[in-house]
All heavy atoms as atom14 arrays in JSON, in Angstrom:
{
  "sequence": "SAGMPLATRLVQIASDLEQLIHQFQPDEIAVEELFFSKNITTGIA",
  "atom14_mask": [
    [1, 1, 1, 1, 1, 1, 0, 0, 0, 0, 0, 0, 0, 0],
    [1, 1, 1, 1, 1, 0, 0, 0, 0, 0, 0, 0, 0, 0],
    [1, 1, 1, 1, 0, 0, 0, 0, 0, 0, 0, 0, 0, 0],
    [1, 1, 1, 1, 1, 1, 1, 1, 0, 0, 0, 0, 0, 0],
    [1, 1, 1, 1, 1, 1, 1, 0, 0, 0, 0, 0, 0, 0],
    [1, 1, 1, 1, 1, 1, 1, 1, 0, 0, 0, 0, 0, 0],
    [1, 1, 1, 1, 1, 0, 0, 0, 0, 0, 0, 0, 0, 0],
    [1, 1, 1, 1, 1, 1, 1, 0, 0, 0, 0, 0, 0, 0],
    [1, 1, 1, 1, 1, 1, 1, 1, 1, 1, 1, 0, 0, 0],
    [1, 1, 1, 1, 1, 1, 1, 1, 0, 0, 0, 0, 0, 0],
    [1, 1, 1, 1, 1, 1, 1, 0, 0, 0, 0, 0, 0, 0],
    [1, 1, 1, 1, 1, 1, 1, 1, 1, 0, 0, 0, 0, 0],
    [1, 1, 1, 1, 1, 1, 1, 1, 0, 0, 0, 0, 0, 0],
    [1, 1, 1, 1, 1, 0, 0, 0, 0, 0, 0, 0, 0, 0],
    [1, 1, 1, 1, 1, 1, 0, 0, 0, 0, 0, 0, 0, 0],
    [1, 1, 1, 1, 1, 1, 1, 1, 0, 0, 0, 0, 0, 0],
    [1, 1, 1, 1, 1, 1, 1, 1, 0, 0, 0, 0, 0, 0],
    [1, 1, 1, 1, 1, 1, 1, 1, 1, 0, 0, 0, 0, 0],
    [1, 1, 1, 1, 1, 1, 1, 1, 1, 0, 0, 0, 0, 0],
    [1, 1, 1, 1, 1, 1, 1, 1, 0, 0, 0, 0, 0, 0],
    [1, 1, 1, 1, 1, 1, 1, 1, 0, 0, 0, 0, 0, 0],
    [1, 1, 1, 1, 1, 1, 1, 1, 1, 1, 0, 0, 0, 0],
    [1, 1, 1, 1, 1, 1, 1, 1, 1, 0, 0, 0, 0, 0],
    [1, 1, 1, 1, 1, 1, 1, 1, 1, 1, 1, 0, 0, 0],
    [1, 1, 1, 1, 1, 1, 1, 1, 1, 0, 0, 0, 0, 0],
    [1, 1, 1, 1, 1, 1, 1, 0, 0, 0, 0, 0, 0, 0],
    [1, 1, 1, 1, 1, 1, 1, 1, 0, 0, 0, 0, 0, 0],
    [1, 1, 1, 1, 1, 1, 1, 1, 1, 0, 0, 0, 0, 0],
    [1, 1, 1, 1, 1, 1, 1, 1, 0, 0, 0, 0, 0, 0],
    [1, 1, 1, 1, 1, 0, 0, 0, 0, 0, 0, 0, 0, 0],
    [1, 1, 1, 1, 1, 1, 1, 0, 0, 0, 0, 0, 0, 0],
    [1, 1, 1, 1, 1, 1, 1, 1, 1, 0, 0, 0, 0, 0],
    [1, 1, 1, 1, 1, 1, 1, 1, 1, 0, 0, 0, 0, 0],
    [1, 1, 1, 1, 1, 1, 1, 1, 0, 0, 0, 0, 0, 0],
    [1, 1, 1, 1, 1, 1, 1, 1, 1, 1, 1, 0, 0, 0],
    [1, 1, 1, 1, 1, 1, 1, 1, 1, 1, 1, 0, 0, 0],
    [1, 1, 1, 1, 1, 1, 0, 0, 0, 0, 0, 0, 0, 0],
    [1, 1, 1, 1, 1, 1, 1, 1, 1, 0, 0, 0, 0, 0],
    [1, 1, 1, 1, 1, 1, 1, 1, 0, 0, 0, 0, 0, 0],
    [1, 1, 1, 1, 1, 1, 1, 1, 0, 0, 0, 0, 0, 0],
    [1, 1, 1, 1, 1, 1, 1, 0, 0, 0, 0, 0, 0, 0],
    [1, 1, 1, 1, 1, 1, 1, 0, 0, 0, 0, 0, 0, 0],
    [1, 1, 1, 1, 0, 0, 0, 0, 0, 0, 0, 0, 0, 0],
    [1, 1, 1, 1, 1, 1, 1, 1, 0, 0, 0, 0, 0, 0],
    [1, 1, 1, 1, 1, 0, 0, 0, 0, 0, 0, 0, 0, 0]
  ],
  "atom14_positions": [
    [[7.14, 234.04, 173.32], [6.37, 233.01, 174.01], [6.19, 233.34, 175.48], [7.13, 233.78, 176.15], [7.06, 231.66, 173.89], [7.17, 231.3, 172.54], [0.0, 0.0, 0.0], [0.0, 0.0, 0.0], [0.0, 0.0, 0.0], [0.0, 0.0, 0.0], [0.0, 0.0, 0.0], [0.0, 0.0, 0.0], [0.0, 0.0, 0.0], [0.0, 0.0, 0.0]],
    [[5.01, 233.08, 175.98], [4.68, 233.36, 177.38], [5.56, 232.57, 178.34], [5.84, 233.02, 179.44], [3.21, 233.07, 177.65], [0.0, 0.0, 0.0], [0.0, 0.0, 0.0], [0.0, 0.0, 0.0], [0.0, 0.0, 0.0], [0.0, 0.0, 0.0], [0.0, 0.0, 0.0], [0.0, 0.0, 0.0], [0.0, 0.0, 0.0], [0.0, 0.0, 0.0]],
    [[6.02, 231.39, 177.95], [6.82, 230.56, 178.85], [8.27, 231.01, 179.0], [8.98, 230.5, 179.86], [0.0, 0.0, 0.0], [0.0, 0.0, 0.0], [0.0, 0.0, 0.0], [0.0, 0.0, 0.0], [0.0, 0.0, 0.0], [0.0, 0.0, 0.0], [0.0, 0.0, 0.0], [0.0, 0.0, 0.0], [0.0, 0.0, 0.0], [0.0, 0.0, 0.0]],
    [[8.7, 231.95, 178.17], [10.09, 232.41, 178.24], [10.28, 233.4, 179.39], [9.37, 234.18, 179.68], [10.47, 233.11, 176.92], [10.44, 232.21, 175.7], [10.52, 233.13, 174.13], [12.06, 233.99, 174.26], [0.0, 0.0, 0.0], [0.0, 0.0, 0.0], [0.0, 0.0, 0.0], [0.0, 0.0, 0.0], [0.0, 0.0, 0.0], [0.0, 0.0, 0.0]],
    [[11.47, 233.43, 180.0], [11.74, 234.45, 181.01], [11.68, 235.85, 180.37], [11.97, 236.01, 179.18], [13.17, 234.14, 181.47], [13.44, 232.74, 181.05], [12.58, 232.49, 179.84], [0.0, 0.0, 0.0], [0.0, 0.0, 0.0], [0.0, 0.0, 0.0], [0.0, 0.0, 0.0], [0.0, 0.0, 0.0], [0.0, 0.0, 0.0], [0.0, 0.0, 0.0]],
    [[11.29, 236.84, 181.15], [11.15, 238.21, 180.63], [12.44, 238.68, 179.95], [12.39, 239.26, 178.86], [10.76, 239.18, 181.76], [10.64, 240.65, 181.35], [9.57, 240.84, 180.27], [10.34, 241.52, 182.56], [0.0, 0.0, 0.0], [0.0, 0.0, 0.0], [0.0, 0.0, 0.0], [0.0, 0.0, 0.0], [0.0, 0.0, 0.0], [0.0, 0.0, 0.0]],
    [[13.58, 238.43, 180.57], [14.85, 238.89, 179.99], [15.07, 238.29, 178.6], [15.52, 238.99, 177.68], [16.01, 238.55, 180.92], [0.0, 0.0, 0.0], [0.0, 0.0, 0.0], [0.0, 0.0, 0.0], [0.0, 0.0, 0.0], [0.0, 0.0, 0.0], [0.0, 0.0, 0.0], [0.0, 0.0, 0.0], [0.0, 0.0, 0.0], [0.0, 0.0, 0.0]],
    [[14.74, 237.03, 178.44], [14.89, 236.36, 177.14], [13.94, 236.98, 176.12], [14.32, 237.19, 174.95], [14.6, 234.85, 177.28], [15.45, 234.33, 178.31], [14.85, 234.11, 175.98], [0.0, 0.0, 0.0], [0.0, 0.0, 0.0], [0.0, 0.0, 0.0], [0.0, 0.0, 0.0], [0.0, 0.0, 0.0], [0.0, 0.0, 0.0], [0.0, 0.0, 0.0]],
    [[12.73, 237.29, 176.54], [11.76, 237.92, 175.64], [12.26, 239.29, 175.2], [12.12, 239.66, 174.02], [10.41, 238.04, 176.33], [9.78, 236.69, 176.63], [8.56, 236.79, 177.48], [7.37, 236.86, 176.63], [6.14, 236.89, 177.1], [5.91, 236.86, 178.41], [5.12, 236.94, 176.28], [0.0, 0.0, 0.0], [0.0, 0.0, 0.0], [0.0, 0.0, 0.0]],
    [[12.84, 240.05, 176.11], [13.35, 241.38, 175.79], [14.51, 241.3, 174.79], [14.6, 242.12, 173.87], [13.77, 242.12, 177.05], [12.64, 242.41, 178.05], [13.2, 243.04, 179.33], [11.57, 243.29, 177.43], [0.0, 0.0, 0.0], [0.0, 0.0, 0.0], [0.0, 0.0, 0.0], [0.0, 0.0, 0.0], [0.0, 0.0, 0.0], [0.0, 0.0, 0.0]],
    [[15.38, 240.32, 174.96], [16.49, 240.13, 174.02], [15.93, 239.81, 172.63], [16.41, 240.33, 171.62], [17.45, 239.02, 174.5], [18.43, 238.61, 173.41], [18.2, 239.49, 175.75], [0.0, 0.0, 0.0], [0.0, 0.0, 0.0], [0.0, 0.0, 0.0], [0.0, 0.0, 0.0], [0.0, 0.0, 0.0], [0.0, 0.0, 0.0], [0.0, 0.0, 0.0]],
    [[14.9, 238.97, 172.58], [14.3, 238.62, 171.29], [13.67, 239.85, 170.62], [13.81, 240.05, 169.43], [13.25, 237.53, 171.46], [12.64, 237.11, 170.12], [11.62, 236.0, 170.25], [11.64, 235.24, 171.21], [10.74, 235.92, 169.27], [0.0, 0.0, 0.0], [0.0, 0.0, 0.0], [0.0, 0.0, 0.0], [0.0, 0.0, 0.0], [0.0, 0.0, 0.0]],
    [[12.98, 240.66, 171.41], [12.38, 241.89, 170.87], [13.46, 242.78, 170.28], [13.34, 243.28, 169.16], [11.56, 242.63, 171.95], [10.3, 241.82, 172.29], [11.2, 244.04, 171.5], [9.57, 242.29, 173.54], [0.0, 0.0, 0.0], [0.0, 0.0, 0.0], [0.0, 0.0, 0.0], [0.0, 0.0, 0.0], [0.0, 0.0, 0.0], [0.0, 0.0, 0.0]],
    [[14.55, 242.97, 171.02], [15.64, 243.82, 170.54], [16.25, 243.26, 169.26], [16.49, 244.0, 168.29], [16.71, 243.97, 171.62], [0.0, 0.0, 0.0], [0.0, 0.0, 0.0], [0.0, 0.0, 0.0], [0.0, 0.0, 0.0], [0.0, 0.0, 0.0], [0.0, 0.0, 0.0], [0.0, 0.0, 0.0], [0.0, 0.0, 0.0], [0.0, 0.0, 0.0]],
    [[16.47, 241.97, 169.23], [17.08, 241.33, 168.07], [16.18, 241.44, 166.83], [16.64, 241.8, 165.74], [17.36, 239.86, 168.39], [17.85, 239.19, 167.26], [0.0, 0.0, 0.0], [0.0, 0.0, 0.0], [0.0, 0.0, 0.0], [0.0, 0.0, 0.0], [0.0, 0.0, 0.0], [0.0, 0.0, 0.0], [0.0, 0.0, 0.0], [0.0, 0.0, 0.0]],
    [[14.89, 241.15, 167.01], [13.95, 241.24, 165.88], [13.79, 242.68, 165.4], [13.7, 242.93, 164.2], [12.6, 240.64, 166.27], [12.64, 239.13, 166.44], [13.71, 238.51, 166.18], [11.61, 238.55, 166.84], [0.0, 0.0, 0.0], [0.0, 0.0, 0.0], [0.0, 0.0, 0.0], [0.0, 0.0, 0.0], [0.0, 0.0, 0.0], [0.0, 0.0, 0.0]],
    [[13.76, 243.62, 166.34], [13.64, 245.03, 165.96], [14.89, 245.48, 165.2], [14.79, 246.2, 164.2], [13.42, 245.9, 167.2], [13.27, 247.39, 166.96], [12.14, 247.69, 165.98], [13.04, 248.12, 168.28], [0.0, 0.0, 0.0], [0.0, 0.0, 0.0], [0.0, 0.0, 0.0], [0.0, 0.0, 0.0], [0.0, 0.0, 0.0], [0.0, 0.0, 0.0]],
    [[16.04, 245.04, 165.65], [17.3, 245.36, 164.95], [17.24, 244.86, 163.51], [17.64, 245.55, 162.58], [18.46, 244.73, 165.71], [19.8, 245.14, 165.19], [20.54, 246.04, 166.16], [20.13, 246.2, 167.31], [21.56, 246.6, 165.71], [0.0, 0.0, 0.0], [0.0, 0.0, 0.0], [0.0, 0.0, 0.0], [0.0, 0.0, 0.0], [0.0, 0.0, 0.0]],
    [[16.72, 243.64, 163.31], [16.58, 243.1, 161.96], [15.65, 243.97, 161.1], [15.94, 244.23, 159.94], [16.03, 241.67, 162.0], [17.06, 240.63, 162.35], [16.45, 239.23, 162.26], [15.34, 238.99, 162.73], [17.19, 238.31, 161.65], [0.0, 0.0, 0.0], [0.0, 0.0, 0.0], [0.0, 0.0, 0.0], [0.0, 0.0, 0.0], [0.0, 0.0, 0.0]],
    [[14.53, 244.4, 161.7], [13.6, 245.28, 160.96], [14.29, 246.58, 160.56], [14.12, 247.06, 159.44], [12.38, 245.6, 161.83], [11.32, 244.53, 161.96], [10.29, 244.94, 163.0], [10.65, 244.26, 160.62], [0.0, 0.0, 0.0], [0.0, 0.0, 0.0], [0.0, 0.0, 0.0], [0.0, 0.0, 0.0], [0.0, 0.0, 0.0], [0.0, 0.0, 0.0]],
    [[15.03, 247.15, 161.48], [15.72, 248.42, 161.21], [16.72, 248.24, 160.06], [16.77, 249.06, 159.14], [16.41, 248.94, 162.49], [15.35, 249.44, 163.47], [17.43, 250.02, 162.16], [15.87, 249.75, 164.87], [0.0, 0.0, 0.0], [0.0, 0.0, 0.0], [0.0, 0.0, 0.0], [0.0, 0.0, 0.0], [0.0, 0.0, 0.0], [0.0, 0.0, 0.0]],
    [[17.48, 247.17, 160.1], [18.46, 246.94, 159.03], [17.79, 246.63, 157.69], [18.26, 247.07, 156.64], [19.43, 245.84, 159.43], [20.37, 246.26, 160.51], [21.35, 247.21, 160.34], [20.45, 245.87, 161.81], [22.01, 247.4, 161.47], [21.47, 246.61, 162.39], [0.0, 0.0, 0.0], [0.0, 0.0, 0.0], [0.0, 0.0, 0.0], [0.0, 0.0, 0.0]],
    [[16.68, 245.93, 157.72], [15.99, 245.58, 156.49], [15.29, 246.78, 155.85], [15.35, 246.95, 154.63], [14.97, 244.47, 156.75], [14.23, 244.03, 155.5], [13.26, 242.89, 155.77], [13.19, 242.35, 156.87], [12.49, 242.52, 154.76], [0.0, 0.0, 0.0], [0.0, 0.0, 0.0], [0.0, 0.0, 0.0], [0.0, 0.0, 0.0], [0.0, 0.0, 0.0]],
    [[14.63, 247.61, 156.66], [13.79, 248.67, 156.09], [14.37, 250.07, 156.21], [13.82, 251.0, 155.62], [12.39, 248.62, 156.73], [11.64, 247.37, 156.34], [11.52, 246.31, 157.23], [11.08, 247.25, 155.08], [10.85, 245.15, 156.88], [10.4, 246.09, 154.71], [10.28, 245.04, 155.61], [0.0, 0.0, 0.0], [0.0, 0.0, 0.0], [0.0, 0.0, 0.0]],
    [[15.45, 250.24, 156.97], [16.16, 251.52, 157.06], [15.23, 252.72, 157.32], [15.2, 253.68, 156.53], [16.96, 251.78, 155.77], [18.0, 250.72, 155.46], [19.17, 250.75, 156.43], [19.76, 251.79, 156.65], [19.46, 249.62, 157.04], [0.0, 0.0, 0.0], [0.0, 0.0, 0.0], [0.0, 0.0, 0.0], [0.0, 0.0, 0.0], [0.0, 0.0, 0.0]],
    [[14.47, 252.71, 158.42], [13.58, 253.85, 158.68], [14.38, 255.11, 159.01], [15.48, 255.05, 159.57], [12.78, 253.38, 159.9], [13.67, 252.4, 160.59], [14.43, 251.71, 159.49], [0.0, 0.0, 0.0], [0.0, 0.0, 0.0], [0.0, 0.0, 0.0], [0.0, 0.0, 0.0], [0.0, 0.0, 0.0], [0.0, 0.0, 0.0], [0.0, 0.0, 0.0]],
    [[13.8, 256.25, 158.63], [14.41, 257.55, 158.96], [14.08, 257.94, 160.39], [14.88, 258.59, 161.07], [13.9, 258.64, 158.01], [14.25, 258.33, 156.57], [15.46, 258.18, 156.29], [13.33, 258.23, 155.75], [0.0, 0.0, 0.0], [0.0, 0.0, 0.0], [0.0, 0.0, 0.0], [0.0, 0.0, 0.0], [0.0, 0.0, 0.0], [0.0, 0.0, 0.0]],
    [[12.87, 257.57, 160.83], [12.4, 257.91, 162.17], [11.52, 256.78, 162.69], [10.96, 256.01, 161.9], [11.62, 259.22, 162.15], [12.5, 260.39, 161.72], [11.77, 261.72, 161.61], [10.53, 261.76, 161.59], [12.47, 262.75, 161.52], [0.0, 0.0, 0.0], [0.0, 0.0, 0.0], [0.0, 0.0, 0.0], [0.0, 0.0, 0.0], [0.0, 0.0, 0.0]],
    [[11.44, 256.71, 164.02], [10.61, 255.7, 164.66], [9.58, 256.41, 165.53], [9.92, 257.35, 166.26], [11.46, 254.73, 165.51], [12.38, 253.91, 164.58], [10.58, 253.81, 166.35], [13.32, 252.98, 165.31], [0.0, 0.0, 0.0], [0.0, 0.0, 0.0], [0.0, 0.0, 0.0], [0.0, 0.0, 0.0], [0.0, 0.0, 0.0], [0.0, 0.0, 0.0]],
    [[8.34, 255.98, 165.43], [7.26, 256.52, 166.26], [6.76, 255.4, 167.17], [6.47, 254.3, 166.7], [6.11, 257.03, 165.37], [0.0, 0.0, 0.0], [0.0, 0.0, 0.0], [0.0, 0.0, 0.0], [0.0, 0.0, 0.0], [0.0, 0.0, 0.0], [0.0, 0.0, 0.0], [0.0, 0.0, 0.0], [0.0, 0.0, 0.0], [0.0, 0.0, 0.0]],
    [[6.7, 255.69, 168.46], [6.31, 254.69, 169.46], [5.15, 255.22, 170.28], [5.15, 256.4, 170.66], [7.5, 254.36, 170.4], [7.12, 253.31, 171.42], [8.72, 253.93, 169.61], [0.0, 0.0, 0.0], [0.0, 0.0, 0.0], [0.0, 0.0, 0.0], [0.0, 0.0, 0.0], [0.0, 0.0, 0.0], [0.0, 0.0, 0.0], [0.0, 0.0, 0.0]],
    [[4.2, 254.34, 170.57], [3.1, 254.76, 171.43], [3.59, 254.85, 172.87], [4.31, 253.97, 173.34], [1.93, 253.77, 171.34], [0.7, 254.27, 172.08], [-0.51, 253.42, 171.81], [-0.49, 252.24, 172.19], [-1.47, 253.93, 171.21], [0.0, 0.0, 0.0], [0.0, 0.0, 0.0], [0.0, 0.0, 0.0], [0.0, 0.0, 0.0], [0.0, 0.0, 0.0]],
    [[3.2, 255.92, 173.54], [3.53, 256.08, 174.95], [2.76, 255.05, 175.76], [1.69, 254.61, 175.37], [3.2, 257.49, 175.44], [4.2, 258.51, 174.96], [4.0, 259.87, 175.6], [3.09, 260.04, 176.44], [4.75, 260.78, 175.24], [0.0, 0.0, 0.0], [0.0, 0.0, 0.0], [0.0, 0.0, 0.0], [0.0, 0.0, 0.0], [0.0, 0.0, 0.0]],
    [[3.31, 254.7, 176.89], [2.7, 253.7, 177.74], [1.44, 254.23, 178.39], [1.4, 255.35, 178.88], [3.7, 253.29, 178.83], [3.36, 252.07, 179.66], [3.11, 250.86, 178.77], [4.48, 251.78, 180.63], [0.0, 0.0, 0.0], [0.0, 0.0, 0.0], [0.0, 0.0, 0.0], [0.0, 0.0, 0.0], [0.0, 0.0, 0.0], [0.0, 0.0, 0.0]],
    [[0.41, 253.41, 178.33], [-0.87, 253.76, 178.94], [-1.19, 252.67, 179.95], [-1.38, 251.52, 179.59], [-1.97, 253.84, 177.87], [-3.34, 254.06, 178.44], [-3.71, 255.3, 178.91], [-4.25, 253.02, 178.53], [-4.98, 255.52, 179.44], [-5.51, 253.22, 179.06], [-5.88, 254.47, 179.52], [0.0, 0.0, 0.0], [0.0, 0.0, 0.0], [0.0, 0.0, 0.0]],
    [[-1.17, 253.03, 181.21], [-1.47, 252.06, 182.26], [-2.98, 251.96, 182.41], [-3.66, 252.93, 182.69], [-0.88, 252.49, 183.61], [0.55, 252.14, 183.76], [1.54, 253.07, 183.5], [0.93, 250.87, 184.15], [2.87, 252.75, 183.64], [2.26, 250.53, 184.3], [3.24, 251.47, 184.05], [0.0, 0.0, 0.0], [0.0, 0.0, 0.0], [0.0, 0.0, 0.0]],
    [[-3.48, 250.75, 182.23], [-4.9, 250.53, 182.5], [-5.01, 249.93, 183.9], [-4.32, 250.37, 184.8], [-5.51, 249.63, 181.43], [-4.8, 248.41, 181.36], [0.0, 0.0, 0.0], [0.0, 0.0, 0.0], [0.0, 0.0, 0.0], [0.0, 0.0, 0.0], [0.0, 0.0, 0.0], [0.0, 0.0, 0.0], [0.0, 0.0, 0.0], [0.0, 0.0, 0.0]],
    [[-5.81, 248.93, 184.06], [-6.03, 248.38, 185.4], [-4.94, 247.42, 185.85], [-4.72, 247.25, 187.03], [-7.4, 247.69, 185.45], [-8.52, 248.67, 185.26], [-9.87, 248.01, 185.22], [-10.91, 249.11, 185.05], [-12.13, 248.66, 184.49], [0.0, 0.0, 0.0], [0.0, 0.0, 0.0], [0.0, 0.0, 0.0], [0.0, 0.0, 0.0], [0.0, 0.0, 0.0]],
    [[-4.26, 246.76, 184.92], [-3.28, 245.75, 185.3], [-1.88, 246.34, 185.31], [-1.2, 246.4, 184.29], [-3.35, 244.56, 184.34], [-2.52, 243.39, 184.81], [-1.65, 243.53, 185.66], [-2.78, 242.23, 184.24], [0.0, 0.0, 0.0], [0.0, 0.0, 0.0], [0.0, 0.0, 0.0], [0.0, 0.0, 0.0], [0.0, 0.0, 0.0], [0.0, 0.0, 0.0]],
    [[-1.41, 246.76, 186.46], [-0.1, 247.39, 186.59], [1.03, 246.42, 186.3], [2.07, 246.8, 185.78], [0.07, 248.08, 187.96], [1.31, 248.97, 187.97], [0.18, 247.09, 189.07], [1.03, 250.37, 188.31], [0.0, 0.0, 0.0], [0.0, 0.0, 0.0], [0.0, 0.0, 0.0], [0.0, 0.0, 0.0], [0.0, 0.0, 0.0], [0.0, 0.0, 0.0]],
    [[0.84, 245.13, 186.61], [1.88, 244.13, 186.36], [2.17, 244.03, 184.86], [3.33, 244.02, 184.45], [1.46, 242.76, 186.91], [1.13, 242.91, 188.29], [2.55, 241.73, 186.76], [0.0, 0.0, 0.0], [0.0, 0.0, 0.0], [0.0, 0.0, 0.0], [0.0, 0.0, 0.0], [0.0, 0.0, 0.0], [0.0, 0.0, 0.0], [0.0, 0.0, 0.0]],
    [[1.13, 243.99, 184.05], [1.31, 243.97, 182.6], [1.98, 245.26, 182.14], [2.86, 245.25, 181.29], [-0.05, 243.79, 181.88], [-0.63, 242.58, 182.34], [0.11, 243.76, 180.39], [0.0, 0.0, 0.0], [0.0, 0.0, 0.0], [0.0, 0.0, 0.0], [0.0, 0.0, 0.0], [0.0, 0.0, 0.0], [0.0, 0.0, 0.0], [0.0, 0.0, 0.0]],
    [[1.56, 246.37, 182.71], [2.13, 247.68, 182.36], [3.62, 247.74, 182.62], [4.38, 248.31, 181.84], [0.0, 0.0, 0.0], [0.0, 0.0, 0.0], [0.0, 0.0, 0.0], [0.0, 0.0, 0.0], [0.0, 0.0, 0.0], [0.0, 0.0, 0.0], [0.0, 0.0, 0.0], [0.0, 0.0, 0.0], [0.0, 0.0, 0.0], [0.0, 0.0, 0.0]],
    [[4.07, 247.14, 183.69], [5.49, 247.15, 184.01], [6.27, 246.34, 182.99], [7.33, 246.76, 182.51], [5.73, 246.64, 185.45], [5.19, 247.68, 186.45], [7.21, 246.37, 185.71], [5.15, 247.21, 187.89], [0.0, 0.0, 0.0], [0.0, 0.0, 0.0], [0.0, 0.0, 0.0], [0.0, 0.0, 0.0], [0.0, 0.0, 0.0], [0.0, 0.0, 0.0]],
    [[5.77, 245.18, 182.6], [6.43, 244.36, 181.58], [6.49, 245.11, 180.25], [7.52, 245.1, 179.57], [5.72, 243.02, 181.42], [0.0, 0.0, 0.0], [0.0, 0.0, 0.0], [0.0, 0.0, 0.0], [0.0, 0.0, 0.0], [0.0, 0.0, 0.0], [0.0, 0.0, 0.0], [0.0, 0.0, 0.0], [0.0, 0.0, 0.0], [0.0, 0.0, 0.0]]
  ]
}
């Protein structure tokens, strides 16, 4: 949720990702590299 503090959002992302990892047991993870467009503030988050 947009109203949550960034730190709380990051904890939720980690927790939900951990659940996905335990449920689906991936061998490898592929992540898109960060691409900064015009909004640097969004890019930092």
